[in-house]
Protein backbone atom coordinates (compact mmCIF):
# COMPACT_ATOMS: atom_id res chain seq x y z
CA UNK A 1 223.50 78.95 156.97
CA UNK A 2 225.36 77.01 154.71
CA UNK A 3 229.25 76.79 153.18
CA UNK A 4 229.49 75.19 149.73
CA UNK A 5 232.98 73.53 149.49
CA UNK A 6 235.07 74.23 146.17
CA UNK A 7 235.63 71.39 144.13
CA UNK A 8 233.04 68.93 145.82
CA UNK A 9 229.61 69.12 144.20
CA UNK A 10 226.72 69.46 146.25
CA UNK A 11 228.24 68.97 149.34
CA UNK A 12 227.05 71.74 151.84
CA UNK A 13 228.54 72.22 155.56
CA UNK A 14 226.91 74.09 158.23
CA UNK A 15 227.97 75.50 161.80
CA UNK A 16 226.29 72.31 163.23
CA UNK A 17 227.46 68.86 163.16
CA UNK A 18 225.48 66.66 160.91
CA UNK A 19 223.42 67.83 158.02
CA UNK A 20 221.02 64.95 156.49
CA UNK A 21 219.08 65.34 153.45
CA UNK A 22 216.27 63.07 152.74
CA UNK A 23 213.99 63.27 149.65
CA UNK A 24 211.28 60.89 148.05
CA UNK A 25 212.36 61.71 144.77
CA UNK A 26 214.46 59.46 142.52
CA UNK A 27 216.48 62.64 140.78
CA UNK A 28 218.75 63.47 143.37
CA UNK A 29 217.56 66.84 144.43
CA UNK A 30 220.56 67.43 146.58
CA UNK A 31 223.59 65.57 145.70
CA UNK A 32 225.17 64.81 148.85
CA UNK A 33 227.87 62.74 148.30
CA UNK A 34 227.97 60.19 151.13
CA UNK A 35 226.36 61.71 153.54
CA UNK A 36 224.52 60.33 156.34
CA UNK A 37 225.94 56.91 156.01
CA UNK A 38 223.40 55.15 157.92
CA UNK A 39 223.18 50.58 159.04
CA UNK A 40 220.31 48.61 158.76
CA UNK A 41 218.67 50.05 161.61
CA UNK A 42 218.76 53.40 159.96
CA UNK A 43 220.59 55.13 162.43
CA UNK A 44 224.11 56.81 161.56
CA UNK A 45 227.04 54.77 162.28
CA UNK A 46 228.82 56.71 164.41
CA UNK A 47 225.88 57.49 166.45
CA UNK A 48 225.77 55.61 169.84
CA UNK A 49 223.30 55.60 172.51
CA UNK A 50 223.61 58.32 175.36
CA UNK A 51 225.08 61.74 175.32
CA UNK A 52 228.86 60.91 176.30
CA UNK A 53 229.89 59.45 173.10
CA UNK A 54 228.50 62.50 171.37
CA UNK A 55 230.00 65.12 173.33
CA UNK A 56 233.67 63.42 172.87
CA UNK A 57 233.63 63.55 168.97
CA UNK A 58 236.11 65.56 167.52
CA UNK A 59 235.91 69.30 166.81
CA UNK A 60 234.33 70.04 163.51
CA UNK A 61 235.44 73.62 163.27
CA UNK A 62 237.91 74.73 160.61
CA UNK A 63 239.74 72.16 158.22
CA UNK A 64 243.47 71.81 158.46
CA UNK A 65 245.15 74.08 155.91
CA UNK A 66 246.71 70.79 154.10
CA UNK A 67 243.45 69.20 153.84
CA UNK A 68 241.75 68.93 150.44
CA UNK A 69 238.00 69.58 149.91
CA UNK A 70 237.31 65.97 148.97
CA UNK A 71 239.26 64.77 152.87
CA UNK A 72 236.71 67.71 154.74
CA UNK A 73 233.56 66.17 153.02
CA UNK A 74 234.71 62.62 154.20
CA UNK A 75 235.03 63.61 157.69
CA UNK A 76 231.94 65.51 157.87
CA UNK A 77 229.67 63.52 155.20
CA UNK A 78 230.99 59.94 155.10
CA UNK A 79 233.18 58.57 152.27
CA UNK A 80 232.31 59.06 148.80
CA UNK A 81 232.95 55.24 148.52
CA UNK A 82 229.65 54.58 150.45
CA UNK A 83 227.83 56.38 148.08
CA UNK A 84 225.67 54.63 145.41
CA UNK A 85 227.02 53.72 142.01
CA UNK A 86 225.41 56.66 140.70
CA UNK A 87 226.54 59.09 143.37
CA UNK A 88 223.33 60.03 144.83
CA UNK A 89 222.65 59.88 148.31
CA UNK A 90 221.68 56.40 149.26
CA UNK A 91 218.89 57.57 151.59
CA UNK A 92 217.11 59.76 148.53
CA UNK A 93 217.91 57.33 146.05
CA UNK A 94 216.46 54.03 147.79
CA UNK A 95 213.63 55.69 150.03
CA UNK A 96 212.22 52.35 150.62
CA UNK A 97 215.13 50.71 151.51
CA UNK A 98 215.11 52.95 154.34
CA UNK A 99 211.55 53.74 155.20
CA UNK A 100 210.29 50.22 154.18
CA UNK A 101 207.80 49.92 157.00
CA UNK A 102 207.75 51.14 160.87
CA UNK A 103 209.19 47.98 162.16
CA UNK A 104 212.74 49.01 160.49
CA UNK A 105 212.37 52.12 162.53
CA UNK A 106 213.45 50.38 165.96
CA UNK A 107 210.02 50.97 167.26
CA UNK A 108 208.45 48.65 170.22
CA UNK A 109 205.99 45.97 169.27
CA UNK A 110 203.31 47.84 171.14
CA UNK A 111 203.87 51.03 169.20
CA UNK A 112 203.91 49.11 165.97
CA UNK A 113 200.50 47.99 166.69
CA UNK A 114 199.14 51.27 167.67
CA UNK A 115 200.59 52.55 164.30
CA UNK A 116 198.80 49.67 162.44
CA UNK A 117 195.85 50.84 164.19
CA UNK A 118 196.14 53.90 162.95
CA UNK A 119 196.23 53.29 159.76
CA UNK A 120 199.83 53.96 158.87
CA UNK A 121 201.72 51.85 156.27
CA UNK A 122 204.99 53.09 155.04
CA UNK A 123 206.57 55.82 156.82
CA UNK A 124 207.30 59.29 155.02
CA UNK A 125 211.05 60.61 154.38
CA UNK A 126 210.13 62.98 157.67
CA UNK A 127 209.32 60.36 159.94
CA UNK A 128 212.13 57.79 158.64
CA UNK A 129 214.92 60.04 159.43
CA UNK A 130 213.70 61.69 162.19
CA UNK A 131 212.25 58.56 164.80
CA UNK A 132 215.82 57.07 164.81
CA UNK A 133 217.26 59.65 166.33
CA UNK A 134 214.86 60.89 168.57
CA UNK A 135 214.83 57.18 170.02
CA UNK A 136 218.39 57.49 170.37
CA UNK A 137 218.06 60.36 172.76
CA UNK A 138 219.63 62.86 170.52
CA UNK A 139 218.84 66.54 170.03
CA UNK A 140 217.42 66.63 166.67
CA UNK A 141 216.54 70.00 164.63
CA UNK A 142 214.09 68.97 161.50
CA UNK A 143 213.13 71.15 158.64
CA UNK A 144 210.68 70.13 156.53
CA UNK A 145 207.67 71.73 154.53
CA UNK A 146 203.80 71.25 155.87
CA UNK A 147 202.21 68.10 155.12
CA UNK A 148 204.78 65.80 155.47
CA UNK A 149 203.85 63.86 158.63
CA UNK A 150 205.88 65.69 161.09
CA UNK A 151 203.64 65.64 163.95
CA UNK A 152 203.64 61.58 163.60
CA UNK A 153 207.70 62.09 163.78
CA UNK A 154 207.85 63.49 166.97
CA UNK A 155 204.82 61.77 168.90
CA UNK A 156 206.03 58.33 167.77
CA UNK A 157 209.40 58.57 169.92
CA UNK A 158 207.59 60.23 172.91
CA UNK A 159 205.09 57.60 173.51
CA UNK A 160 208.24 54.79 173.27
CA UNK A 161 209.83 57.04 176.00
CA UNK A 162 206.89 57.87 178.45
CA UNK A 163 205.96 53.95 177.91
CA UNK A 164 208.95 52.92 179.93
CA UNK A 165 209.31 53.44 183.57
CA UNK A 166 210.47 56.80 184.65
CA UNK A 167 214.41 57.22 186.04
CA UNK A 168 213.69 59.71 188.16
CA UNK A 169 211.43 59.48 190.97
CA UNK A 170 209.39 62.63 190.37
CA UNK A 171 205.87 63.59 189.85
CA UNK A 172 204.92 65.47 186.77
CA UNK A 173 204.71 65.20 182.94
CA UNK A 174 207.88 63.26 181.47
CA UNK A 175 207.10 65.36 177.81
CA UNK A 176 206.08 68.76 176.79
CA UNK A 177 205.26 69.83 173.51
CA UNK A 178 204.59 73.82 172.88
CA UNK A 179 202.81 74.87 169.60
CA UNK A 180 202.00 78.13 168.20
CA UNK A 181 197.84 77.91 168.16
CA UNK A 182 195.18 76.62 170.22
CA UNK A 183 193.73 74.59 166.90
CA UNK A 184 196.90 72.82 166.84
CA UNK A 185 197.49 71.81 170.11
CA UNK A 186 194.19 70.40 169.67
CA UNK A 187 195.04 68.50 166.84
CA UNK A 188 198.63 67.17 168.58
CA UNK A 189 196.77 65.92 171.61
CA UNK A 190 194.60 64.25 169.29
CA UNK A 191 197.03 62.34 167.53
CA UNK A 192 198.80 61.38 171.03
CA UNK A 193 195.26 59.76 171.84
CA UNK A 194 194.93 57.91 168.49
CA UNK A 195 198.55 56.33 168.95
CA UNK A 196 198.23 55.81 172.22
CA UNK A 197 195.20 54.06 172.32
CA UNK A 198 194.79 51.02 174.75
CA UNK A 199 197.76 52.29 176.73
CA UNK A 200 197.98 53.62 179.87
CA UNK A 201 199.80 57.09 178.49
CA UNK A 202 197.46 60.19 178.96
CA UNK A 203 197.87 63.55 177.34
CA UNK A 204 196.61 66.77 178.22
CA UNK A 205 196.20 69.99 176.31
CA UNK A 206 196.39 73.50 178.06
CA UNK A 207 195.88 76.53 175.76
CA UNK A 208 194.28 79.94 176.40
CA UNK A 209 190.38 80.80 175.87
CA UNK A 210 189.23 77.70 178.29
CA UNK A 211 188.66 77.90 181.44
CA UNK A 212 191.52 77.12 183.62
CA UNK A 213 189.96 75.62 186.49
CA UNK A 214 189.26 72.38 184.20
CA UNK A 215 193.01 72.57 183.06
CA UNK A 216 193.94 72.42 186.59
CA UNK A 217 192.10 69.24 187.45
CA UNK A 218 193.58 67.63 184.51
CA UNK A 219 197.28 68.56 185.32
CA UNK A 220 196.26 67.09 189.02
CA UNK A 221 195.96 63.60 187.60
CA UNK A 222 199.73 63.65 186.39
CA UNK A 223 199.22 63.01 182.71
CA UNK A 224 202.77 61.95 181.23
CA UNK A 225 202.12 64.35 178.04
CA UNK A 226 201.49 68.05 178.24
CA UNK A 227 200.63 70.13 174.81
CA UNK A 228 200.04 73.43 175.01
CA UNK A 229 200.81 76.88 173.87
CA UNK A 230 203.51 78.90 175.92
CA UNK A 231 201.29 81.42 177.23
CA UNK A 232 199.12 79.02 178.88
CA UNK A 233 201.95 76.98 179.79
CA UNK A 234 203.96 79.90 181.63
CA UNK A 235 200.66 80.50 183.47
CA UNK A 236 200.46 77.19 184.94
CA UNK A 237 204.16 77.34 185.83
CA UNK A 238 203.45 80.47 188.09
CA UNK A 239 200.50 79.15 189.77
CA UNK A 240 202.41 76.09 190.48
CA UNK A 241 199.88 73.62 188.88
CA UNK A 242 202.53 71.99 186.75
CA UNK A 243 206.30 70.94 187.43
CA UNK A 244 208.98 70.03 185.17
CA UNK A 245 211.26 68.24 187.34
CA UNK A 246 210.82 64.94 185.69
CA UNK A 247 210.57 66.31 182.51
CA UNK A 248 212.52 64.36 179.89
CA UNK A 249 211.82 65.54 176.50
CA UNK A 250 210.84 68.47 175.13
CA UNK A 251 209.45 69.20 171.79
CA UNK A 252 209.01 72.68 169.93
CA UNK A 253 206.80 72.23 166.98
CA UNK A 254 206.06 75.08 164.41
CA UNK A 255 209.28 76.79 165.77
CA UNK A 256 209.34 79.56 163.39
CA UNK A 257 205.45 80.35 164.03
CA UNK A 258 206.12 80.39 167.59
CA UNK A 259 208.68 83.13 167.39
CA UNK A 260 206.86 85.22 164.76
CA UNK A 261 203.90 85.94 166.78
CA UNK A 262 206.18 86.73 169.93
CA UNK A 263 206.50 83.49 171.72
CA UNK A 264 210.70 83.80 171.95
CA UNK A 265 210.59 85.01 175.82
CA UNK A 266 207.89 82.69 176.97
CA UNK A 267 209.83 79.93 175.42
CA UNK A 268 213.23 80.97 176.77
CA UNK A 269 211.47 80.98 180.18
CA UNK A 270 209.95 77.45 180.20
CA UNK A 271 213.22 76.23 178.50
CA UNK A 272 215.16 77.61 181.46
CA UNK A 273 213.12 75.99 184.20
CA UNK A 274 213.45 72.31 182.41
CA UNK A 275 216.36 69.81 183.51
CA UNK A 276 219.28 70.18 181.58
CA UNK A 277 219.61 66.64 181.10
CA UNK A 278 216.42 67.00 178.93
CA UNK A 279 216.00 65.80 175.30
CA UNK A 280 215.01 68.78 172.81
CA UNK A 281 213.44 67.89 169.59
CA UNK A 282 212.72 71.27 167.24
CA UNK A 283 210.50 71.17 164.06
CA UNK A 284 210.37 74.04 161.68
CA UNK A 285 208.79 74.65 158.16
CA UNK A 286 212.04 77.12 157.83
CA UNK A 287 215.05 77.63 159.89
CA UNK A 288 215.40 81.72 160.08
CA UNK A 289 218.41 82.93 161.90
CA UNK A 290 215.92 83.23 165.38
CA UNK A 291 215.26 79.80 165.11
CA UNK A 292 219.15 78.76 164.62
CA UNK A 293 219.85 81.14 167.53
CA UNK A 294 217.48 79.45 169.75
CA UNK A 295 218.58 76.02 168.71
CA UNK A 296 222.32 77.12 169.40
CA UNK A 297 221.30 78.32 172.90
CA UNK A 298 219.05 75.89 174.16
CA UNK A 299 219.89 72.62 172.33
CA UNK A 300 223.00 70.32 173.02
CA UNK A 301 224.96 69.63 169.78
CA UNK A 302 221.84 69.19 167.95
CA UNK A 303 221.55 66.79 164.66
CA UNK A 304 220.36 68.93 161.58
CA UNK A 305 217.91 66.54 159.74
CA UNK A 306 216.93 69.05 156.27
CA UNK A 307 214.09 67.19 154.69
CA UNK A 308 213.19 70.29 152.62
CA UNK A 309 213.75 69.92 148.62
CA UNK A 310 213.74 72.95 146.15
CA UNK A 311 210.07 73.03 145.81
CA UNK A 312 208.45 74.48 148.82
CA UNK A 313 205.12 73.46 147.78
CA UNK A 314 203.67 69.89 147.54
CA UNK A 315 203.68 68.46 143.80
CA UNK A 316 200.20 67.39 144.00
CA UNK A 317 198.57 71.18 144.42
CA UNK A 318 197.90 72.75 141.28
CA UNK A 319 198.24 76.64 141.93
CA UNK A 320 196.94 79.26 139.94
CA UNK A 321 196.06 83.15 140.31
CA UNK A 322 193.40 85.78 139.00
CA UNK A 323 193.87 89.37 138.52
CA UNK A 324 191.54 91.11 139.86
CA UNK A 325 189.96 94.65 141.17
CA UNK A 326 189.68 94.70 144.87
CA UNK A 327 185.77 96.02 144.62
CA UNK A 328 185.25 92.89 142.49
CA UNK A 329 187.01 89.93 144.63
CA UNK A 330 184.00 88.98 146.31
CA UNK A 331 181.91 88.50 142.92
CA UNK A 332 185.02 86.46 141.47
CA UNK A 333 184.58 84.38 144.47
CA UNK A 334 181.08 84.00 143.93
CA UNK A 335 181.47 82.65 140.37
CA UNK A 336 184.68 80.66 141.60
CA UNK A 337 183.18 78.55 143.69
CA UNK A 338 179.81 78.00 141.30
CA UNK A 339 182.75 76.90 138.88
CA UNK A 340 184.50 74.73 141.14
CA UNK A 341 182.12 73.11 143.59
CA UNK A 342 184.48 72.27 145.90
CA UNK A 343 184.28 69.40 148.52
CA UNK A 344 185.44 71.68 151.21
CA UNK A 345 187.33 75.10 151.23
CA UNK A 346 189.32 77.02 153.31
CA UNK A 347 189.22 81.23 152.11
CA UNK A 348 191.74 82.99 153.67
CA UNK A 349 191.87 86.71 154.24
CA UNK A 350 194.59 88.91 155.99
CA UNK A 351 192.10 90.66 158.62
CA UNK A 352 189.76 89.92 161.30
CA UNK A 353 187.42 92.43 160.02
CA UNK A 354 187.60 91.41 156.36
CA UNK A 355 187.31 87.85 157.44
CA UNK A 356 183.67 89.01 158.79
CA UNK A 357 182.57 90.84 155.75
CA UNK A 358 183.13 87.75 153.88
CA UNK A 359 181.60 85.53 155.86
CA UNK A 360 178.32 87.48 156.11
CA UNK A 361 178.28 88.15 152.38
CA UNK A 362 178.69 84.18 151.82
CA UNK A 363 175.96 83.25 154.19
CA UNK A 364 173.57 85.93 152.80
CA UNK A 365 174.71 84.27 149.05
CA UNK A 366 173.57 80.78 150.76
CA UNK A 367 170.32 82.16 152.21
CA UNK A 368 169.29 83.75 148.77
CA UNK A 369 170.27 80.68 146.55
CA UNK A 370 169.24 78.17 149.04
CA UNK A 371 172.22 76.56 148.68
CA UNK A 372 173.14 73.49 150.89
CA UNK A 373 176.80 74.38 151.87
CA UNK A 374 177.27 75.36 155.17
CA UNK A 375 179.68 78.81 156.01
CA UNK A 376 181.87 79.56 158.87
CA UNK A 377 184.50 81.48 159.82
CA UNK A 378 187.27 81.42 162.28
CA UNK A 379 189.71 83.97 163.58
CA UNK A 380 191.14 85.16 167.02
CA UNK A 381 188.59 87.13 168.48
CA UNK A 382 186.29 84.37 168.40
CA UNK A 383 185.68 82.64 171.58
CA UNK A 384 187.34 79.40 172.26
CA UNK A 385 184.37 77.22 172.29
CA UNK A 386 183.20 78.82 169.03
CA UNK A 387 186.67 77.74 167.52
CA UNK A 388 186.34 74.55 168.78
CA UNK A 389 182.97 74.14 167.52
CA UNK A 390 183.75 75.51 164.05
CA UNK A 391 186.79 73.20 163.72
CA UNK A 392 184.63 70.41 165.23
CA UNK A 393 182.10 71.08 162.21
CA UNK A 394 184.83 71.54 159.25
CA UNK A 395 186.81 68.36 160.24
CA UNK A 396 183.59 66.47 160.08
CA UNK A 397 182.46 67.75 157.07
CA UNK A 398 179.30 69.33 158.42
CA UNK A 399 181.02 72.84 157.06
CA UNK A 400 181.70 73.04 153.46
CA UNK A 401 183.26 76.77 153.22
CA UNK A 402 185.59 78.37 156.23
CA UNK A 403 186.43 81.76 156.26
CA UNK A 404 189.68 82.04 157.91
CA UNK A 405 192.29 84.23 159.21
CA UNK A 406 196.03 82.83 159.39
CA UNK A 407 194.84 81.13 162.70
CA UNK A 408 194.42 77.88 160.59
CA UNK A 409 197.40 78.48 158.46
CA UNK A 410 199.55 76.18 160.52
CA UNK A 411 199.31 72.58 160.86
CA UNK A 412 195.63 72.10 160.83
CA UNK A 413 194.74 68.50 158.88
CA UNK A 414 191.47 68.08 157.16
CA UNK A 415 191.16 65.12 154.73
CA UNK A 416 188.65 66.24 152.44
CA UNK A 417 189.83 69.60 151.97
CA UNK A 418 190.33 70.08 148.05
CA UNK A 419 190.54 73.67 147.69
CA UNK A 420 192.50 76.86 149.11
CA UNK A 421 191.48 80.36 148.15
CA UNK A 422 193.44 83.28 149.13
CA UNK A 423 191.39 86.19 148.85
CA UNK A 424 193.91 88.35 149.86
CA UNK A 425 197.18 87.67 149.14
CA UNK A 426 199.41 86.89 152.21
CA UNK A 427 201.87 89.68 153.96
CA UNK A 428 204.85 87.06 154.02
CA UNK A 429 205.67 83.90 151.75
CA UNK A 430 205.84 81.49 154.28
CA UNK A 431 202.50 82.08 155.37
CA UNK A 432 201.39 81.30 151.33
CA UNK A 433 203.39 78.16 151.70
CA UNK A 434 201.32 77.05 155.04
CA UNK A 435 198.29 77.91 153.39
CA UNK A 436 198.33 76.30 150.23
CA UNK A 437 200.11 73.39 152.42
CA UNK A 438 196.60 72.72 154.20
CA UNK A 439 195.17 70.79 150.90
CA UNK A 440 197.24 68.19 148.73
CA UNK A 441 198.58 66.49 152.41
CA UNK A 442 200.09 63.06 152.32
CA UNK A 443 199.87 62.73 148.84
CA UNK A 444 196.38 63.84 148.41
CA UNK A 445 195.72 66.31 145.22
CA UNK A 446 194.50 69.82 146.07
CA UNK A 447 194.17 73.30 144.17
CA UNK A 448 194.99 76.85 145.56
CA UNK A 449 193.82 80.15 143.98
CA UNK A 450 194.79 83.56 144.73
CA UNK A 451 193.62 86.73 144.01
CA UNK A 452 195.89 89.53 143.04
CA UNK A 453 195.23 92.92 142.77
CA UNK A 454 196.85 94.66 139.85
CA UNK A 455 199.19 96.83 142.51
CA UNK A 456 200.26 93.39 144.61
CA UNK A 457 202.22 92.34 141.42
CA UNK A 458 205.40 92.63 143.26
CA UNK A 459 204.10 90.26 146.50
CA UNK A 460 203.39 87.49 143.73
CA UNK A 461 206.45 87.79 142.08
CA UNK A 462 208.14 87.14 145.51
CA UNK A 463 205.74 84.27 146.52
CA UNK A 464 207.10 82.63 143.02
CA UNK A 465 210.71 83.24 143.64
CA UNK A 466 210.45 81.95 147.28
CA UNK A 467 208.69 78.88 146.05
CA UNK A 468 210.48 78.44 143.14
CA UNK A 469 207.47 77.88 140.95
CA UNK A 470 205.19 80.12 138.77
CA UNK A 471 201.80 80.48 139.31
CA UNK A 472 199.26 79.87 136.14
CA UNK A 473 197.06 82.52 135.48
CA UNK A 474 193.30 81.71 135.55
CA UNK A 475 190.23 83.33 133.83
CA UNK A 476 186.45 83.52 134.25
CA UNK A 477 184.32 85.09 131.59
CA UNK A 478 183.62 88.76 132.80
CA UNK A 479 186.82 88.93 135.06
CA UNK A 480 189.37 88.96 132.26
CA UNK A 481 193.11 90.33 133.80
CA UNK A 482 193.08 93.29 131.26
CA UNK A 483 189.14 94.56 130.83
CA UNK A 484 188.58 96.89 127.92
CA UNK A 485 187.56 100.17 129.38
CA UNK A 486 184.95 102.55 128.07
CA UNK A 487 186.57 105.48 125.81
CA UNK A 488 186.46 108.58 127.86
CA UNK A 489 184.49 111.59 127.16
CA UNK A 490 186.51 113.95 124.82
CA UNK A 491 188.23 116.90 126.80
CA UNK A 492 186.55 120.34 126.50
CA UNK A 493 189.35 123.38 126.22
CA UNK A 494 188.19 126.87 125.87
CA UNK A 495 189.68 128.24 122.48
CA UNK A 496 189.77 131.97 121.47
CA UNK A 497 187.24 133.99 122.26
CA UNK A 498 186.00 131.89 124.91
CA UNK A 499 184.67 129.40 122.54
CA UNK A 500 184.44 125.73 123.49
CA UNK A 501 187.05 123.32 121.83
CA UNK A 502 186.89 119.54 121.69
CA UNK A 503 190.13 117.60 122.40
CA UNK A 504 190.65 117.35 118.65
CA UNK A 505 191.06 120.90 118.79
CA UNK A 506 187.95 122.01 116.45
CA UNK A 507 185.10 123.89 117.53
CA UNK A 508 181.65 121.94 117.59
CA UNK A 509 179.12 123.07 115.54
CA UNK A 510 175.06 122.58 115.14
CA UNK A 511 173.81 119.97 117.65
CA UNK A 512 177.13 119.15 118.77
CA UNK A 513 177.62 122.69 120.23
CA UNK A 514 173.85 122.73 121.70
CA UNK A 515 174.45 119.45 123.45
CA UNK A 516 177.51 120.64 125.44
CA UNK A 517 177.51 122.39 128.36
CA UNK A 518 178.12 125.84 128.26
CA UNK A 519 180.99 127.60 131.04
CA UNK A 520 179.62 129.96 133.16
CA UNK A 521 181.77 133.09 133.93
CA UNK A 522 184.23 132.62 136.82
CA UNK A 523 183.32 135.40 139.61
CA UNK A 524 186.21 136.75 141.28
CA UNK A 525 186.47 134.71 144.88
CA UNK A 526 185.60 137.07 148.12
CA UNK A 527 188.40 137.25 150.43
CA UNK A 528 188.98 135.15 153.49
CA UNK A 529 188.33 136.78 157.11
CA UNK A 530 191.84 135.75 157.98
CA UNK A 531 192.77 137.85 154.69
CA UNK A 532 190.31 140.89 155.87
CA UNK A 533 191.73 140.65 159.45
CA UNK A 534 195.52 140.87 158.01
CA UNK A 535 196.13 137.36 159.17
CA UNK A 536 197.17 134.13 157.76
CA UNK A 537 198.52 133.90 154.23
CA UNK A 538 195.82 136.01 152.55
CA UNK A 539 196.79 138.48 149.40
CA UNK A 540 198.67 141.29 150.11
CA UNK A 541 195.77 143.52 148.15
CA UNK A 542 193.38 142.67 150.78
CA UNK A 543 195.38 143.42 153.68
CA UNK A 544 196.25 146.40 152.01
CA UNK A 545 192.61 147.87 151.34
CA UNK A 546 192.25 147.56 155.36
C-alpha cells in the first residue's frame, strides 16, 4: 500500500492521509522522520474536533513537480525539525512520555476510575495512539498484532461517548461492535461490563446459536451498546427488533477475519443502513486489499494508525517446531505434554473431525493414567451452550487442555495459558500468528510448538517468512527428525537358467539358498470374457480364435 520516497529514509506515504507508527521499542524499527506530530494532549496538532475541519484539509495527492522529497515528507508527516535529536519518531522513542498513564489520553474522571478498578495502569502503545483520535471523533483504522490491548482501545472511547447525553432524540443503541465469532462477542461484552461497572451503560451481545427470543427481550430494554456477529445483527434488523437511527459509532473488530470467513456482504448491508454521520472505527491485525477497500468505501477520511512492528509475533513467545510423521503425531503430543506439564494448553487442529479424534484419544489417555488434567474440545459444530460452558471452564482454569479449531484463534484472552501446540500446521500464515498470539499476551511469557510433517516444509518456510523469524527445531528422544530406517532386504532377481540372484549379483549357496523362497512358474493368463466376445481391448489372437 505504501510508496517509499527516494532520499527520505523510512518515510512511507499511503493513499490515505496520515500514517502514524507507534512502537514500544527504543531502537526505532520504523524511522519516520517527524511523523505524527503530537501536542501535550497526545493528539495531532492539525486535528480539530468535528468533521468540518478535516474535510477542509488540502488534498494529499501527487506532489508538485518542483517539490523535493523533503518538502513532500514535511507536508505529510511534519517537519524533520520536530523529530528527536537522534532522528527517531518521538512517539516510538519515548513511549512513556505519551502513554505515561490514562489521564493523559483525555478520558473523563469517571472513565479513569473504571480503568483503575479494572487494574489497568499504563496504556499500551495501541491504546495511547488510538484512544485520543477516537475521542476526537475521527474515523480511525488501526493495524496491530494480536495481544496488544486492542479491545480496551475501542471500548474506552465508546464508553466515553455513550456516557454523555445523546444529540438525537431516537430510541436505539448508540454504539455497534461487529466481531467475527461468538466467543469474541462474549469477551468484548464482558470487557464493556467490566469497564462500565457502576454506571447506567448496558451492553448486549447478539450471536447465533442462542435462542433469539432472549436476545429480543434484552434489545427491548434499549441497551446503549450492541456487540454481535454480522449474521445475527442482520437477522435482528430484518425482524425489526433493532434500529440504528440513533447510532453514533460503529466498530469493526478483527475486520480481516470477518472478511476471510465471508461476512463482507452482511457487513456492507449493515453499514449502508447506519447513519452517514456515524463515526467508524476499524481494527485489524492485517490490512489486505479487501480491508483497505472496505475502509475506502465506508469510512470518511480515515486516519491510519500502524502499530505493527517487523516481528509479527510477540518477543516473549518461544517458538519451536518438530519434524514428525503424521502417524506419530499423537504419540509425540503425549510425550510433549508429559515433558512440559503446562498450566494450560490449547492444541490446534485443522478440522473438526481431527479435533474430535485428538480429544477422544487425550480423554482415554487421562482415564488410563489417572491424570488430574481436564480435557475439553471446541469447534463450530458444537451447540452454543456447550461452547460457552467449555470457554467458561477454560478461563476459570477447570480445563487445562483444550483441543480446538481456529474458532478460538482470534481475540480469546486467557491469563494462565502457557502453551500452544499446532497439532496441524495452519493453512494460512496469519492463522499461525493468531494461534500463537493466544499466549504471551500483554507481556506474559509463553511457548508455542508446531508439528511439521516432512512434506509440509514449504508451509513452515512461508510462516517463517511471514513472521520474519526462524523457528527453533526441538527434539524428543525417539522422535528425532531423521530416524535411522532398518536396512531393506536384498532384492531378489532371476539370473541365467532361472536361478535366484541376490542384489549383489551372486547366486545364493547352501543354507542361504534353501532359506530363500522359490519362484513359482508363471502360467499364461486366461483371456477375459470381453476378449473372448471380441469386445474391449483384448489381445487380437483371442478375437481371431473366435
